[in-house]
Amino acid sequence: MNVRRSTDADAAVVKELWDEFAAEVPDPPGFEDEDEPAQTVYLAEDDDGAAGILEASPAGPKRWHIELVHVRPRARRQGVAAALIRECLRDAREHGAEWVSLDVLDSNAEALAVWHRLGFRDVEHVLAQPLDALERRLGDDSAGVSFATTHVQTDDRASVDRAVSEFVPRFKSPDLRGTSNGWIRIADPLLDADRAAQSRFAADLSDRLGAVVVALALEQGAVVRFLLYERGRMVDEYLSVPTYYGPISKGDELALDANPTLVARLTGAARDDVRRIARTAATPAELPPAEELYRLVAALMGLEP
């Protein structure tokens, strides 16, 4: 196995390897053709010719960034990738680098597993969605009403009051009510408008109190969502129309189905009622009106809407 830097004479084989990688791991929508040439390209060669490629560039005074690693199927599991990386690291160290980073698509589970085994840790996430989906998410003047309630499974009103008091500078007018079913209901205009804030608030409450917390919301007058927390960890999420904000994978769609067993165990709801009421559909029109569905979902868990 020979590993070397590429030259201008290797342009054709470099393009060939790039095309192979792009066919195997295609760019997600919106990210096509954004790649720029790397400063350093390494080729691995065996008796049959080019076996793999690594591209890297300095990303700062102390870091090199690996932009591509691809090994041809015929040469995999023979140490080709390791040989390419070692050559890159030697050059990086000679140029004063102390860190190496790389990009990998979340959809490339096999590569993620390999890099994690080599000790790489997540540093940042690049998030993306279509413009149309973001506009729908943001809503506009014609969007339907959105409101939210957060429910803590406890009779300890004093502890809930103390926890909520820490959010008061951000809350506008928090409304706390005890209910006859052993839940304390919390509402505030801030949480009506900001689902991420409601999620953080619910997780914090659940963690501090060691309690079950339900973050329930009606969104844009069209869909119903709930997040279910146990001891600070989100254990279930439901969205009545999983694709309402844009296309998602089938696995993500299924993840937004209510889990009848968990909901029943943590809230006392009947599993059959969870299956019957907390259904998902392709469009809001296939379900009861959203405000009615919101009340039905609240009722099945014993919550005051």
C-alpha atoms as a PDB file:
ATOM      1  CA  MET A   1       0.000   0.000   0.000  1.00  0.00           C
ATOM      2  CA  ASN A   2       1.406   3.382  -1.059  1.00  0.00           C
ATOM      3  CA  VAL A   3       0.013   6.682   0.268  1.00  0.00           C
ATOM      4  CA  ARG A   4       1.100   9.949  -1.339  1.00  0.00           C
ATOM      5  CA  ARG A   5      -0.048  13.461  -2.097  1.00  0.00           C
ATOM      6  CA  SER A   6      -1.838  13.815  -5.410  1.00  0.00           C
ATOM      7  CA  THR A   7      -0.467  15.873  -8.291  1.00  0.00           C
ATOM      8  CA  ASP A   8      -2.058  17.597 -11.272  1.00  0.00           C
ATOM      9  CA  ALA A   9      -1.583  14.357 -13.178  1.00  0.00           C
ATOM     10  CA  ASP A  10      -4.048  12.656 -10.791  1.00  0.00           C
ATOM     11  CA  ALA A  11      -6.960  15.002 -11.576  1.00  0.00           C
ATOM     12  CA  ALA A  12      -8.924  12.349 -13.448  1.00  0.00           C
ATOM     13  CA  VAL A  13      -8.656   9.689 -10.740  1.00  0.00           C
ATOM     14  CA  VAL A  14      -9.403  12.248  -8.017  1.00  0.00           C
ATOM     15  CA  LYS A  15     -12.605  13.209  -9.837  1.00  0.00           C
ATOM     16  CA  GLU A  16     -13.455   9.538 -10.299  1.00  0.00           C
ATOM     17  CA  LEU A  17     -13.103   8.867  -6.572  1.00  0.00           C
ATOM     18  CA  TRP A  18     -15.112  11.993  -5.732  1.00  0.00           C
ATOM     19  CA  ASP A  19     -17.907  10.869  -8.058  1.00  0.00           C
ATOM     20  CA  GLU A  20     -17.929   7.425  -6.441  1.00  0.00           C
ATOM     21  CA  PHE A  21     -18.236   8.985  -2.988  1.00  0.00           C
ATOM     22  CA  ALA A  22     -20.997  11.365  -4.106  1.00  0.00           C
ATOM     23  CA  ALA A  23     -22.977   8.454  -5.567  1.00  0.00           C
ATOM     24  CA  GLU A  24     -22.601   6.435  -2.363  1.00  0.00           C
ATOM     25  CA  VAL A  25     -23.200   9.321   0.060  1.00  0.00           C
ATOM     26  CA  PRO A  26     -25.185  11.968  -1.846  1.00  0.00           C
ATOM     27  CA  ASP A  27     -25.434  15.523  -0.574  1.00  0.00           C
ATOM     28  CA  PRO A  28     -28.736  16.322   1.142  1.00  0.00           C
ATOM     29  CA  PRO A  29     -31.144  18.676  -0.656  1.00  0.00           C
ATOM     30  CA  GLY A  30     -29.847  22.236  -0.649  1.00  0.00           C
ATOM     31  CA  PHE A  31     -26.203  21.253  -0.121  1.00  0.00           C
ATOM     32  CA  GLU A  32     -25.338  20.160  -3.654  1.00  0.00           C
ATOM     33  CA  ASP A  33     -22.206  21.513  -5.336  1.00  0.00           C
ATOM     34  CA  GLU A  34     -21.086  23.615  -2.400  1.00  0.00           C
ATOM     35  CA  ASP A  35     -17.723  21.863  -1.978  1.00  0.00           C
ATOM     36  CA  GLU A  36     -14.503  23.734  -2.763  1.00  0.00           C
ATOM     37  CA  PRO A  37     -11.175  22.095  -3.596  1.00  0.00           C
ATOM     38  CA  ALA A  38      -9.198  21.014  -0.542  1.00  0.00           C
ATOM     39  CA  GLN A  39      -5.669  22.260  -0.030  1.00  0.00           C
ATOM     40  CA  THR A  40      -4.191  18.772   0.346  1.00  0.00           C
ATOM     41  CA  VAL A  41      -5.307  15.557  -1.359  1.00  0.00           C
ATOM     42  CA  TYR A  42      -3.879  12.140  -0.469  1.00  0.00           C
ATOM     43  CA  LEU A  43      -4.202   9.040  -2.590  1.00  0.00           C
ATOM     44  CA  ALA A  44      -3.796   5.446  -1.436  1.00  0.00           C
ATOM     45  CA  GLU A  45      -2.723   2.975  -4.109  1.00  0.00           C
ATOM     46  CA  ASP A  46      -2.463  -0.803  -4.199  1.00  0.00           C
ATOM     47  CA  ASP A  47      -1.609  -3.254  -6.946  1.00  0.00           C
ATOM     48  CA  ASP A  48      -4.909  -2.501  -8.697  1.00  0.00           C
ATOM     49  CA  GLY A  49      -4.463   1.284  -8.713  1.00  0.00           C
ATOM     50  CA  ALA A  50      -6.152   3.999  -6.683  1.00  0.00           C
ATOM     51  CA  ALA A  51      -7.797   2.492  -3.602  1.00  0.00           C
ATOM     52  CA  GLY A  52      -8.822   5.545  -1.574  1.00  0.00           C
ATOM     53  CA  ILE A  53      -8.676   9.278  -1.137  1.00  0.00           C
ATOM     54  CA  LEU A  54      -8.490  11.774   1.731  1.00  0.00           C
ATOM     55  CA  GLU A  55      -8.826  15.535   1.355  1.00  0.00           C
ATOM     56  CA  ALA A  56      -7.888  17.978   4.121  1.00  0.00           C
ATOM     57  CA  SER A  57      -7.174  21.663   4.653  1.00  0.00           C
ATOM     58  CA  PRO A  58      -5.851  23.800   7.522  1.00  0.00           C
ATOM     59  CA  ALA A  59      -8.812  25.251   9.430  1.00  0.00           C
ATOM     60  CA  GLY A  60      -6.849  27.500  11.778  1.00  0.00           C
ATOM     61  CA  PRO A  61      -3.417  27.759  13.397  1.00  0.00           C
ATOM     62  CA  LYS A  62      -3.988  24.644  15.518  1.00  0.00           C
ATOM     63  CA  ARG A  63      -6.464  22.558  13.518  1.00  0.00           C
ATOM     64  CA  TRP A  64      -6.689  20.651  10.238  1.00  0.00           C
ATOM     65  CA  HIS A  65     -10.061  19.670   8.813  1.00  0.00           C
ATOM     66  CA  ILE A  66     -10.653  16.411   6.936  1.00  0.00           C
ATOM     67  CA  GLU A  67     -13.152  17.115   4.180  1.00  0.00           C
ATOM     68  CA  LEU A  68     -13.382  13.697   2.552  1.00  0.00           C
ATOM     69  CA  VAL A  69     -12.371  10.111   3.217  1.00  0.00           C
ATOM     70  CA  HIS A  70     -13.413   7.507   0.683  1.00  0.00           C
ATOM     71  CA  VAL A  71     -12.162   3.948   0.177  1.00  0.00           C
ATOM     72  CA  ARG A  72     -13.263   1.887  -2.789  1.00  0.00           C
ATOM     73  CA  PRO A  73     -15.399  -1.129  -1.815  1.00  0.00           C
ATOM     74  CA  ARG A  74     -12.766  -3.590  -3.077  1.00  0.00           C
ATOM     75  CA  ALA A  75     -10.188  -2.174  -0.646  1.00  0.00           C
ATOM     76  CA  ARG A  76     -12.262  -1.723   2.488  1.00  0.00           C
ATOM     77  CA  ARG A  77     -11.355  -3.282   5.848  1.00  0.00           C
ATOM     78  CA  GLN A  78      -7.709  -3.457   4.766  1.00  0.00           C
ATOM     79  CA  GLY A  79      -6.409  -0.438   6.675  1.00  0.00           C
ATOM     80  CA  VAL A  80      -6.599   1.992   3.743  1.00  0.00           C
ATOM     81  CA  ALA A  81      -8.489   4.713   5.604  1.00  0.00           C
ATOM     82  CA  ALA A  82      -6.132   4.408   8.590  1.00  0.00           C
ATOM     83  CA  ALA A  83      -3.109   4.767   6.301  1.00  0.00           C
ATOM     84  CA  LEU A  84      -4.577   7.892   4.691  1.00  0.00           C
ATOM     85  CA  ILE A  85      -5.362   9.430   8.068  1.00  0.00           C
ATOM     86  CA  ARG A  86      -1.878   8.719   9.431  1.00  0.00           C
ATOM     87  CA  GLU A  87      -0.298  10.480   6.440  1.00  0.00           C
ATOM     88  CA  CYS A  88      -2.589  13.450   6.931  1.00  0.00           C
ATOM     89  CA  LEU A  89      -1.784  13.621  10.661  1.00  0.00           C
ATOM     90  CA  ARG A  90       1.962  13.635   9.987  1.00  0.00           C
ATOM     91  CA  ASP A  91       1.594  16.666   7.735  1.00  0.00           C
ATOM     92  CA  ALA A  92      -0.817  18.369  10.134  1.00  0.00           C
ATOM     93  CA  ARG A  93       1.589  17.967  13.043  1.00  0.00           C
ATOM     94  CA  GLU A  94       4.493  19.306  10.976  1.00  0.00           C
ATOM     95  CA  HIS A  95       2.416  22.431  10.317  1.00  0.00           C
ATOM     96  CA  GLY A  96       1.714  22.970  14.022  1.00  0.00           C
ATOM     97  CA  ALA A  97      -1.761  21.476  14.235  1.00  0.00           C
ATOM     98  CA  GLU A  98      -2.921  19.989  17.522  1.00  0.00           C
ATOM     99  CA  TRP A  99      -6.482  19.105  16.522  1.00  0.00           C
ATOM    100  CA  VAL A 100      -8.191  17.406  13.609  1.00  0.00           C
ATOM    101  CA  SER A 101     -11.865  17.783  12.721  1.00  0.00           C
ATOM    102  CA  LEU A 102     -14.182  16.469  10.037  1.00  0.00           C
ATOM    103  CA  ASP A 103     -17.732  16.658   8.720  1.00  0.00           C
ATOM    104  CA  VAL A 104     -20.068  13.672   8.451  1.00  0.00           C
ATOM    105  CA  LEU A 105     -23.727  13.517   7.474  1.00  0.00           C
ATOM    106  CA  ASP A 106     -26.140  12.404  10.192  1.00  0.00           C
ATOM    107  CA  SER A 107     -27.609  10.018   7.611  1.00  0.00           C
ATOM    108  CA  ASN A 108     -24.244   8.244   7.218  1.00  0.00           C
ATOM    109  CA  ALA A 109     -24.644   6.084  10.316  1.00  0.00           C
ATOM    110  CA  GLU A 110     -21.815   3.706   9.414  1.00  0.00           C
ATOM    111  CA  ALA A 111     -19.284   6.527   9.094  1.00  0.00           C
ATOM    112  CA  LEU A 112     -20.540   8.165  12.295  1.00  0.00           C
ATOM    113  CA  ALA A 113     -19.964   4.925  14.177  1.00  0.00           C
ATOM    114  CA  VAL A 114     -16.409   4.616  12.810  1.00  0.00           C
ATOM    115  CA  TRP A 115     -15.459   8.184  13.732  1.00  0.00           C
ATOM    116  CA  HIS A 116     -16.943   7.855  17.198  1.00  0.00           C
ATOM    117  CA  ARG A 117     -14.930   4.666  17.745  1.00  0.00           C
ATOM    118  CA  LEU A 118     -11.820   6.633  16.819  1.00  0.00           C
ATOM    119  CA  GLY A 119     -12.640   9.146  19.550  1.00  0.00           C
ATOM    120  CA  PHE A 120     -14.214  11.983  17.573  1.00  0.00           C
ATOM    121  CA  ARG A 121     -16.868  13.858  19.534  1.00  0.00           C
ATOM    122  CA  ASP A 122     -19.749  16.016  18.345  1.00  0.00           C
ATOM    123  CA  VAL A 123     -18.827  19.708  18.409  1.00  0.00           C
ATOM    124  CA  GLU A 124     -21.544  21.427  16.382  1.00  0.00           C
ATOM    125  CA  HIS A 125     -24.585  20.592  14.302  1.00  0.00           C
ATOM    126  CA  VAL A 126     -25.554  22.123  10.953  1.00  0.00           C
ATOM    127  CA  LEU A 127     -29.337  22.325  10.776  1.00  0.00           C
ATOM    128  CA  ALA A 128     -31.347  22.846   7.601  1.00  0.00           C
ATOM    129  CA  GLN A 129     -34.887  22.820   6.291  1.00  0.00           C
ATOM    130  CA  PRO A 130     -36.701  24.097   3.172  1.00  0.00           C
ATOM    131  CA  LEU A 131     -37.698  27.763   3.117  1.00  0.00           C
ATOM    132  CA  ASP A 132     -41.361  26.886   2.678  1.00  0.00           C
ATOM    133  CA  ALA A 133     -41.282  24.653   5.747  1.00  0.00           C
ATOM    134  CA  LEU A 134     -39.589  27.343   7.836  1.00  0.00           C
ATOM    135  CA  GLU A 135     -42.156  29.921   6.769  1.00  0.00           C
ATOM    136  CA  ARG A 136     -44.924  27.578   7.830  1.00  0.00           C
ATOM    137  CA  ARG A 137     -43.139  26.983  11.123  1.00  0.00           C
ATOM    138  CA  LEU A 138     -42.758  30.700  11.769  1.00  0.00           C
ATOM    139  CA  GLY A 139     -46.357  31.316  10.856  1.00  0.00           C
ATOM    140  CA  ASP A 140     -47.849  34.576   9.648  1.00  0.00           C
ATOM    141  CA  ASP A 141     -50.807  36.840  10.274  1.00  0.00           C
ATOM    142  CA  SER A 142     -53.152  34.287   8.762  1.00  0.00           C
ATOM    143  CA  ALA A 143     -51.892  31.411  10.918  1.00  0.00           C
ATOM    144  CA  GLY A 144     -54.274  29.952  13.433  1.00  0.00           C
ATOM    145  CA  VAL A 145     -53.987  30.369  17.171  1.00  0.00           C
ATOM    146  CA  SER A 146     -51.184  28.689  19.116  1.00  0.00           C
ATOM    147  CA  PHE A 147     -51.241  28.083  22.843  1.00  0.00           C
ATOM    148  CA  ALA A 148     -49.593  25.749  25.311  1.00  0.00           C
ATOM    149  CA  THR A 149     -49.993  24.347  28.802  1.00  0.00           C
ATOM    150  CA  THR A 150     -47.431  22.518  30.915  1.00  0.00           C
ATOM    151  CA  HIS A 151     -48.558  19.966  33.491  1.00  0.00           C
ATOM    152  CA  VAL A 152     -46.547  18.631  36.455  1.00  0.00           C
ATOM    153  CA  GLN A 153     -47.643  15.421  38.153  1.00  0.00           C
ATOM    154  CA  THR A 154     -47.311  16.521  41.782  1.00  0.00           C
ATOM    155  CA  ASP A 155     -49.230  17.909  44.721  1.00  0.00           C
ATOM    156  CA  ASP A 156     -46.189  19.871  45.916  1.00  0.00           C
ATOM    157  CA  ARG A 157     -47.355  23.338  44.892  1.00  0.00           C
ATOM    158  CA  ALA A 158     -44.617  25.078  46.882  1.00  0.00           C
ATOM    159  CA  SER A 159     -41.839  23.331  44.938  1.00  0.00           C
ATOM    160  CA  VAL A 160     -43.496  24.168  41.633  1.00  0.00           C
ATOM    161  CA  ASP A 161     -43.871  27.806  42.723  1.00  0.00           C
ATOM    162  CA  ARG A 162     -40.160  27.997  43.552  1.00  0.00           C
ATOM    163  CA  ALA A 163     -39.157  26.473  40.216  1.00  0.00           C
ATOM    164  CA  VAL A 164     -41.481  28.750  38.233  1.00  0.00           C
ATOM    165  CA  SER A 165     -40.283  31.836  40.125  1.00  0.00           C
ATOM    166  CA  GLU A 166     -36.868  31.437  38.508  1.00  0.00           C
ATOM    167  CA  PHE A 167     -38.491  31.847  35.100  1.00  0.00           C
ATOM    168  CA  VAL A 168     -40.543  34.895  36.056  1.00  0.00           C
ATOM    169  CA  PRO A 169     -38.167  37.452  34.450  1.00  0.00           C
ATOM    170  CA  ARG A 170     -38.919  35.738  31.142  1.00  0.00           C
ATOM    171  CA  PHE A 171     -42.521  34.814  31.832  1.00  0.00           C
ATOM    172  CA  LYS A 172     -45.075  37.566  31.325  1.00  0.00           C
ATOM    173  CA  SER A 173     -47.907  36.425  33.587  1.00  0.00           C
ATOM    174  CA  PRO A 174     -47.541  32.794  34.706  1.00  0.00           C
ATOM    175  CA  ASP A 175     -50.824  31.095  35.593  1.00  0.00           C
ATOM    176  CA  LEU A 176     -50.535  28.154  38.011  1.00  0.00           C
ATOM    177  CA  ARG A 177     -53.475  25.983  38.971  1.00  0.00           C
ATOM    178  CA  GLY A 178     -53.770  22.833  40.981  1.00  0.00           C
ATOM    179  CA  THR A 179     -56.219  20.242  39.674  1.00  0.00           C
ATOM    180  CA  SER A 180     -58.196  17.480  41.329  1.00  0.00           C
ATOM    181  CA  ASN A 181     -56.281  14.823  39.369  1.00  0.00           C
ATOM    182  CA  GLY A 182     -52.905  15.382  41.022  1.00  0.00           C
ATOM    183  CA  TRP A 183     -51.483  17.684  38.342  1.00  0.00           C
ATOM    184  CA  ILE A 184     -50.412  21.313  38.505  1.00  0.00           C
ATOM    185  CA  ARG A 185     -51.123  23.254  35.315  1.00  0.00           C
ATOM    186  CA  ILE A 186     -48.850  26.114  34.195  1.00  0.00           C
ATOM    187  CA  ALA A 187     -49.553  28.534  31.358  1.00  0.00           C
ATOM    188  CA  ASP A 188     -47.827  31.693  30.151  1.00  0.00           C
ATOM    189  CA  PRO A 189     -47.905  33.700  26.893  1.00  0.00           C
ATOM    190  CA  LEU A 190     -44.182  33.079  26.410  1.00  0.00           C
ATOM    191  CA  LEU A 191     -44.802  29.339  26.184  1.00  0.00           C
ATOM    192  CA  ASP A 192     -47.733  29.847  23.799  1.00  0.00           C
ATOM    193  CA  ALA A 193     -45.390  31.364  21.257  1.00  0.00           C
ATOM    194  CA  ASP A 194     -42.154  29.442  21.786  1.00  0.00           C
ATOM    195  CA  ARG A 195     -42.220  25.661  21.649  1.00  0.00           C
ATOM    196  CA  ALA A 196     -38.481  25.378  22.346  1.00  0.00           C
ATOM    197  CA  ALA A 197     -38.901  27.451  25.516  1.00  0.00           C
ATOM    198  CA  GLN A 198     -41.776  25.233  26.649  1.00  0.00           C
ATOM    199  CA  SER A 199     -39.673  22.145  26.048  1.00  0.00           C
ATOM    200  CA  ARG A 200     -36.733  23.531  28.067  1.00  0.00           C
ATOM    201  CA  PHE A 201     -39.074  24.609  30.853  1.00  0.00           C
ATOM    202  CA  ALA A 202     -40.796  21.215  31.006  1.00  0.00           C
ATOM    203  CA  ALA A 203     -37.489  19.320  31.016  1.00  0.00           C
ATOM    204  CA  ASP A 204     -36.131  21.531  33.807  1.00  0.00           C
ATOM    205  CA  LEU A 205     -39.258  21.105  35.921  1.00  0.00           C
ATOM    206  CA  SER A 206     -39.193  17.355  35.470  1.00  0.00           C
ATOM    207  CA  ASP A 207     -35.520  17.187  36.387  1.00  0.00           C
ATOM    208  CA  ARG A 208     -35.764  19.427  39.467  1.00  0.00           C
ATOM    209  CA  LEU A 209     -38.862  17.785  40.883  1.00  0.00           C
ATOM    210  CA  GLY A 210     -38.184  14.219  39.718  1.00  0.00           C
ATOM    211  CA  ALA A 211     -41.708  14.346  38.303  1.00  0.00           C
ATOM    212  CA  VAL A 212     -43.632  13.426  35.189  1.00  0.00           C
ATOM    213  CA  VAL A 213     -44.278  16.541  33.095  1.00  0.00           C
ATOM    214  CA  VAL A 214     -46.439  16.919  29.988  1.00  0.00           C
ATOM    215  CA  ALA A 215     -45.854  19.856  27.621  1.00  0.00           C
ATOM    216  CA  LEU A 216     -49.075  20.112  25.604  1.00  0.00           C
ATOM    217  CA  ALA A 217     -49.630  22.548  22.727  1.00  0.00           C
ATOM    218  CA  LEU A 218     -51.965  23.548  19.933  1.00  0.00           C
ATOM    219  CA  GLU A 219     -49.883  24.892  17.038  1.00  0.00           C
ATOM    220  CA  GLN A 220     -51.134  27.301  14.365  1.00  0.00           C
ATOM    221  CA  GLY A 221     -54.686  26.187  14.992  1.00  0.00           C
ATOM    222  CA  ALA A 222     -53.900  23.055  12.999  1.00  0.00           C
ATOM    223  CA  VAL A 223     -51.888  20.439  14.888  1.00  0.00           C
ATOM    224  CA  VAL A 224     -51.531  19.131  18.432  1.00  0.00           C
ATOM    225  CA  ARG A 225     -48.224  18.227  20.039  1.00  0.00           C
ATOM    226  CA  PHE A 226     -47.212  16.836  23.392  1.00  0.00           C
ATOM    227  CA  LEU A 227     -43.831  16.100  24.947  1.00  0.00           C
ATOM    228  CA  LEU A 228     -43.702  13.668  27.855  1.00  0.00           C
ATOM    229  CA  TYR A 229     -40.861  13.921  30.386  1.00  0.00           C
ATOM    230  CA  GLU A 230     -39.807  11.629  33.201  1.00  0.00           C
ATOM    231  CA  ARG A 231     -37.076  12.770  35.616  1.00  0.00           C
ATOM    232  CA  GLY A 232     -35.855  15.385  33.153  1.00  0.00           C
ATOM    233  CA  ARG A 233     -35.683  13.085  30.128  1.00  0.00           C
ATOM    234  CA  MET A 234     -38.079  13.304  27.202  1.00  0.00           C
ATOM    235  CA  VAL A 235     -39.510   9.824  26.771  1.00  0.00           C
ATOM    236  CA  ASP A 236     -42.247  10.396  24.190  1.00  0.00           C
ATOM    237  CA  GLU A 237     -43.314  12.991  21.609  1.00  0.00           C
ATOM    238  CA  TYR A 238     -46.530  13.217  19.631  1.00  0.00           C
ATOM    239  CA  LEU A 239     -47.449  15.456  16.690  1.00  0.00           C
ATOM    240  CA  SER A 240     -50.859  14.926  15.160  1.00  0.00           C
ATOM    241  CA  VAL A 241     -49.619  15.597  11.602  1.00  0.00           C
ATOM    242  CA  PRO A 242     -45.926  14.595  11.594  1.00  0.00           C
ATOM    243  CA  THR A 243     -45.226  16.140   8.161  1.00  0.00           C
ATOM    244  CA  TYR A 244     -47.117  19.389   8.815  1.00  0.00           C
ATOM    245  CA  TYR A 245     -43.910  21.456   8.878  1.00  0.00           C
ATOM    246  CA  GLY A 246     -42.317  19.711   5.914  1.00  0.00           C
ATOM    247  CA  PRO A 247     -41.173  16.300   4.667  1.00  0.00           C
ATOM    248  CA  ILE A 248     -39.355  14.082   7.174  1.00  0.00           C
ATOM    249  CA  SER A 249     -38.061  10.544   7.075  1.00  0.00           C
ATOM    250  CA  LYS A 250     -40.398   7.634   7.741  1.00  0.00           C
ATOM    251  CA  GLY A 251     -38.493   6.877  10.916  1.00  0.00           C
ATOM    252  CA  ASP A 252     -39.016  10.421  12.187  1.00  0.00           C
ATOM    253  CA  GLU A 253     -42.717  10.173  11.303  1.00  0.00           C
ATOM    254  CA  LEU A 254     -43.046   7.005  13.368  1.00  0.00           C
ATOM    255  CA  ALA A 255     -41.159   8.643  16.243  1.00  0.00           C
ATOM    256  CA  LEU A 256     -43.939  11.255  16.445  1.00  0.00           C
ATOM    257  CA  ASP A 257     -46.615   8.626  17.110  1.00  0.00           C
ATOM    258  CA  ALA A 258     -47.764   8.523  20.725  1.00  0.00           C
ATOM    259  CA  ASN A 259     -46.480   5.508  22.652  1.00  0.00           C
ATOM    260  CA  PRO A 260     -49.628   4.085  24.326  1.00  0.00           C
ATOM    261  CA  THR A 261     -47.687   2.043  26.868  1.00  0.00           C
ATOM    262  CA  LEU A 262     -45.564   4.966  28.067  1.00  0.00           C
ATOM    263  CA  VAL A 263     -48.458   7.418  28.113  1.00  0.00           C
ATOM    264  CA  ALA A 264     -50.571   4.948  30.073  1.00  0.00           C
ATOM    265  CA  ARG A 265     -47.817   4.186  32.592  1.00  0.00           C
ATOM    266  CA  LEU A 266     -46.901   7.798  33.256  1.00  0.00           C
ATOM    267  CA  THR A 267     -50.278   9.538  33.116  1.00  0.00           C
ATOM    268  CA  GLY A 268     -52.830   6.833  33.928  1.00  0.00           C
ATOM    269  CA  ALA A 269     -54.454   7.062  30.494  1.00  0.00           C
ATOM    270  CA  ALA A 270     -56.044   3.930  29.060  1.00  0.00           C
ATOM    271  CA  ARG A 271     -53.875   2.510  26.290  1.00  0.00           C
ATOM    272  CA  ASP A 272     -56.845   1.932  23.996  1.00  0.00           C
ATOM    273  CA  ASP A 273     -57.876   5.566  24.444  1.00  0.00           C
ATOM    274  CA  VAL A 274     -54.366   6.719  23.561  1.00  0.00           C
ATOM    275  CA  ARG A 275     -54.472   4.673  20.354  1.00  0.00           C
ATOM    276  CA  ARG A 276     -57.946   5.945  19.495  1.00  0.00           C
ATOM    277  CA  ILE A 277     -57.488   9.635  20.299  1.00  0.00           C
ATOM    278  CA  ALA A 278     -53.782  10.437  19.855  1.00  0.00           C
ATOM    279  CA  ARG A 279     -53.716   9.354  16.238  1.00  0.00           C
ATOM    280  CA  THR A 280     -51.562  10.788  13.471  1.00  0.00           C
ATOM    281  CA  ALA A 281     -52.576  11.609   9.922  1.00  0.00           C
ATOM    282  CA  ALA A 282     -51.191  13.033   6.699  1.00  0.00           C
ATOM    283  CA  THR A 283     -53.286  16.225   6.939  1.00  0.00           C
ATOM    284  CA  PRO A 284     -55.218  18.057   9.677  1.00  0.00           C
ATOM    285  CA  ALA A 285     -58.449  17.438   7.777  1.00  0.00           C
ATOM    286  CA  GLU A 286     -58.202  13.710   8.536  1.00  0.00           C
ATOM    287  CA  LEU A 287     -58.413  14.356  12.287  1.00  0.00           C
ATOM    288  CA  PRO A 288     -60.912  16.125  14.551  1.00  0.00           C
ATOM    289  CA  PRO A 289     -60.598  19.952  14.559  1.00  0.00           C
ATOM    290  CA  ALA A 290     -57.338  20.834  16.246  1.00  0.00           C
ATOM    291  CA  GLU A 291     -58.836  22.619  19.264  1.00  0.00           C
ATOM    292  CA  GLU A 292     -61.148  19.669  19.859  1.00  0.00           C
ATOM    293  CA  LEU A 293     -58.247  17.232  19.502  1.00  0.00           C
ATOM    294  CA  TYR A 294     -56.241  19.310  21.987  1.00  0.00           C
ATOM    295  CA  ARG A 295     -59.025  18.954  24.570  1.00  0.00           C
ATOM    296  CA  LEU A 296     -59.419  15.232  23.866  1.00  0.00           C
ATOM    297  CA  VAL A 297     -55.687  14.567  24.289  1.00  0.00           C
ATOM    298  CA  ALA A 298     -55.661  16.557  27.537  1.00  0.00           C
ATOM    299  CA  ALA A 299     -58.674  14.667  28.855  1.00  0.00           C
ATOM    300  CA  LEU A 300     -57.282  11.208  28.128  1.00  0.00           C
ATOM    301  CA  MET A 301     -54.259  12.018  30.330  1.00  0.00           C
ATOM    302  CA  GLY A 302     -56.389  13.617  33.050  1.00  0.00           C
ATOM    303  CA  LEU A 303     -55.125  17.142  32.306  1.00  0.00           C
ATOM    304  CA  GLU A 304     -56.998  20.417  32.457  1.00  0.00           C
ATOM    305  CA  PRO A 305     -56.688  21.965  28.956  1.00  0.00           C
END
